Amino acid sequence: MDLSCDAPVHIRRATALVRSNLGLGLLLAVGILYFLMRSRRATLLVTATVPLSVLVAFVALRMFDKSLNVISLAGLAFSIGLVMDAAIVTLENIVRNRQNGLSQQEAVARGTRQITGALFASTVTSVAIFLPVLFMQGMEGQLFQDLALTIAVAVSASFLIAITVLPVAANFFLRE
């Protein structure tokens, strides 16, 4: 007797597909970012925020006793663009302030301060979209909670990283 559907094989294939799409999406985003920024250092700084945000999302999944599955991986894939967005906005504003003649430290401090409110508003609205999903009941709640939690945590972490870690790193790595 043969099995008509082997669920573990299907799950492994789906997980591998999401992982490869996550990697491909990140590579495309980094390539486009480099094309637009024309700076290896700036591209690396922005790209470095992604694993930090993803790490925080993994910790949150563990804290809430959620598993790393196809749905949570899809949440990570969806969040990559949002995660990079906060870093891009912060870094671009720091560079713009530097080009306007400010010293490196002044450009970092002022550039970060100028965009913190707007980034906070953007982060809160992005998280607010997924917050109700965390409280869904039944089968739908079980299905989509991992997705919502992963995206909400990764986006929130990206905001904190963009206004703390990124400015410090930019102060050291963007010196001329």
Protein backbone atom coordinates (compact mmCIF):
# COMPACT_ATOMS: atom_id res chain seq x y z
CA MET A 1 0.00 0.00 0.00
CA ASP A 2 1.37 3.44 -0.98
CA LEU A 3 0.67 6.72 0.69
CA SER A 4 -1.16 9.18 -1.52
CA CYS A 5 0.23 12.15 0.42
CA ASP A 6 3.28 12.19 2.65
CA ALA A 7 2.75 15.27 4.85
CA PRO A 8 6.33 15.53 6.22
CA VAL A 9 7.74 15.54 2.68
CA HIS A 10 5.24 18.21 1.63
CA ILE A 11 6.09 20.34 4.68
CA ARG A 12 9.84 20.01 4.09
CA ARG A 13 9.42 21.03 0.46
CA ALA A 14 7.22 24.00 1.35
CA THR A 15 9.70 25.12 4.03
CA ALA A 16 12.62 24.80 1.60
CA LEU A 17 10.69 26.81 -1.00
CA VAL A 18 9.92 29.61 1.47
CA ARG A 19 13.55 29.65 2.63
CA SER A 20 14.85 29.89 -0.90
CA ASN A 21 12.34 32.65 -1.72
CA LEU A 22 13.37 34.48 1.44
CA GLY A 23 17.02 34.29 0.39
CA LEU A 24 16.25 35.31 -3.18
CA GLY A 25 14.12 38.23 -2.00
CA LEU A 26 16.92 39.41 0.28
CA LEU A 27 19.47 39.16 -2.53
CA LEU A 28 17.24 41.14 -4.89
CA ALA A 29 16.63 43.79 -2.23
CA VAL A 30 20.36 44.10 -1.53
CA GLY A 31 21.13 44.32 -5.25
CA ILE A 32 18.57 47.05 -5.80
CA LEU A 33 19.79 48.86 -2.69
CA TYR A 34 23.38 48.82 -3.94
CA PHE A 35 22.27 50.01 -7.36
CA LEU A 36 20.44 52.96 -5.81
CA MET A 37 22.90 53.86 -3.05
CA ARG A 38 26.12 53.19 -5.01
CA SER A 39 27.97 52.48 -1.78
CA ARG A 40 29.15 49.11 -0.53
CA ARG A 41 29.44 50.31 3.05
CA ALA A 42 25.98 51.83 3.12
CA THR A 43 24.50 48.71 1.55
CA LEU A 44 26.23 46.48 4.10
CA LEU A 45 25.03 48.66 6.98
CA VAL A 46 21.42 48.45 5.83
CA THR A 47 21.72 44.73 5.08
CA ALA A 48 23.15 44.06 8.55
CA THR A 49 19.89 45.23 10.10
CA VAL A 50 18.01 42.32 8.52
CA PRO A 51 19.63 39.45 10.47
CA LEU A 52 19.37 41.45 13.69
CA SER A 53 15.63 41.97 13.19
CA VAL A 54 15.15 38.34 12.16
CA LEU A 55 17.04 37.20 15.25
CA VAL A 56 14.67 39.21 17.45
CA ALA A 57 11.73 37.62 15.62
CA PHE A 58 13.18 34.14 16.30
CA VAL A 59 13.53 34.99 19.99
CA ALA A 60 9.91 36.20 20.08
CA LEU A 61 8.70 33.01 18.40
CA ARG A 62 10.56 31.01 21.05
CA MET A 63 9.21 33.17 23.89
CA PHE A 64 5.62 32.71 22.70
CA ASP A 65 6.19 28.98 22.18
CA LYS A 66 5.64 29.20 18.41
CA SER A 67 7.47 27.02 15.94
CA LEU A 68 9.50 27.98 12.92
CA ASN A 69 7.20 26.78 10.15
CA VAL A 70 6.07 27.70 6.66
CA ILE A 71 3.79 30.45 7.97
CA SER A 72 6.39 32.08 10.25
CA LEU A 73 8.99 31.86 7.46
CA ALA A 74 6.53 33.53 5.12
CA GLY A 75 6.13 36.27 7.74
CA LEU A 76 9.89 36.77 7.70
CA ALA A 77 9.86 36.93 3.91
CA PHE A 78 7.07 39.52 3.95
CA SER A 79 8.85 41.60 6.57
CA ILE A 80 12.22 41.90 4.79
CA GLY A 81 11.20 44.99 2.80
CA LEU A 82 9.68 46.66 5.85
CA VAL A 83 12.75 45.83 7.92
CA MET A 84 15.11 47.34 5.36
CA ASP A 85 12.90 50.39 4.93
CA ALA A 86 13.59 51.77 8.41
CA ALA A 87 17.33 51.36 7.95
CA ILE A 88 17.29 52.94 4.49
CA VAL A 89 15.39 56.00 5.71
CA THR A 90 17.73 56.45 8.68
CA LEU A 91 20.93 55.99 6.71
CA GLU A 92 19.81 58.19 3.84
CA ASN A 93 19.01 61.02 6.22
CA ILE A 94 22.38 60.68 7.96
CA VAL A 95 24.17 60.80 4.59
CA ARG A 96 22.08 63.80 3.49
CA ASN A 97 22.99 65.71 6.66
CA ARG A 98 26.65 64.84 6.13
CA GLN A 99 26.47 66.13 2.55
CA ASN A 100 24.95 69.36 3.88
CA GLY A 101 28.20 70.04 5.71
CA LEU A 102 27.60 68.69 9.20
CA SER A 103 30.34 66.78 10.99
CA GLN A 104 29.98 63.01 11.13
CA GLN A 105 28.68 62.98 14.72
CA GLU A 106 26.32 65.91 14.14
CA ALA A 107 24.97 64.29 10.96
CA VAL A 108 24.35 61.01 12.79
CA ALA A 109 22.65 62.67 15.77
CA ARG A 110 20.55 65.14 13.78
CA GLY A 111 19.77 62.70 10.97
CA THR A 112 18.48 60.09 13.40
CA ARG A 113 16.54 62.60 15.49
CA GLN A 114 14.83 64.06 12.39
CA ILE A 115 13.33 60.78 11.25
CA THR A 116 12.58 59.05 14.57
CA GLY A 117 9.00 60.37 14.79
CA ALA A 118 8.14 59.45 11.22
CA LEU A 119 9.71 55.99 11.57
CA PHE A 120 7.83 55.43 14.83
CA ALA A 121 4.53 56.35 13.16
CA SER A 122 5.31 54.06 10.22
CA THR A 123 6.23 51.19 12.54
CA VAL A 124 3.15 51.60 14.72
CA THR A 125 0.82 51.63 11.73
CA SER A 126 2.50 48.55 10.25
CA VAL A 127 2.24 46.69 13.55
CA ALA A 128 -1.36 47.88 14.07
CA ILE A 129 -2.38 46.14 10.86
CA PHE A 130 -1.24 42.77 12.22
CA LEU A 131 -2.16 43.23 15.88
CA PRO A 132 -5.80 42.10 15.57
CA VAL A 133 -4.62 38.89 13.92
CA LEU A 134 -2.75 37.98 17.11
CA PHE A 135 -6.07 37.82 18.95
CA MET A 136 -7.99 35.78 16.39
CA GLN A 137 -9.58 32.60 17.72
CA GLY A 138 -10.12 29.22 16.14
CA MET A 139 -8.43 27.68 13.16
CA GLU A 140 -7.79 31.05 11.49
CA GLY A 141 -6.03 32.32 14.60
CA GLN A 142 -3.80 29.27 14.75
CA LEU A 143 -2.96 29.67 11.09
CA PHE A 144 -2.17 33.38 11.00
CA GLN A 145 -0.82 34.17 14.48
CA ASP A 146 2.69 33.02 13.58
CA LEU A 147 2.65 35.26 10.50
CA ALA A 148 1.38 38.30 12.39
CA LEU A 149 3.73 37.81 15.34
CA THR A 150 6.76 37.39 13.10
CA ILE A 151 6.02 40.48 11.03
CA ALA A 152 5.05 42.67 14.01
CA VAL A 153 8.16 41.76 15.99
CA ALA A 154 10.57 42.03 13.04
CA VAL A 155 9.21 45.45 12.06
CA SER A 156 9.31 46.70 15.67
CA ALA A 157 12.86 45.43 16.06
CA SER A 158 13.88 47.12 12.81
CA PHE A 159 12.67 50.47 14.17
CA LEU A 160 14.73 50.08 17.36
CA ILE A 161 17.77 48.92 15.39
CA ALA A 162 17.41 51.78 12.89
CA ILE A 163 17.46 54.44 15.61
CA THR A 164 20.10 52.83 17.89
CA VAL A 165 22.46 50.33 16.27
CA LEU A 166 22.51 51.76 12.75
CA PRO A 167 23.49 55.32 13.76
CA VAL A 168 26.36 54.02 15.90
CA ALA A 169 27.54 51.76 13.08
CA ALA A 170 27.18 54.61 10.54
CA ASN A 171 29.30 56.83 12.77
CA PHE A 172 32.17 54.36 12.49
CA PHE A 173 31.78 52.84 9.04
CA LEU A 174 30.75 55.82 6.93
CA ARG A 175 33.75 57.96 7.80
CA GLU A 176 35.65 59.29 4.84
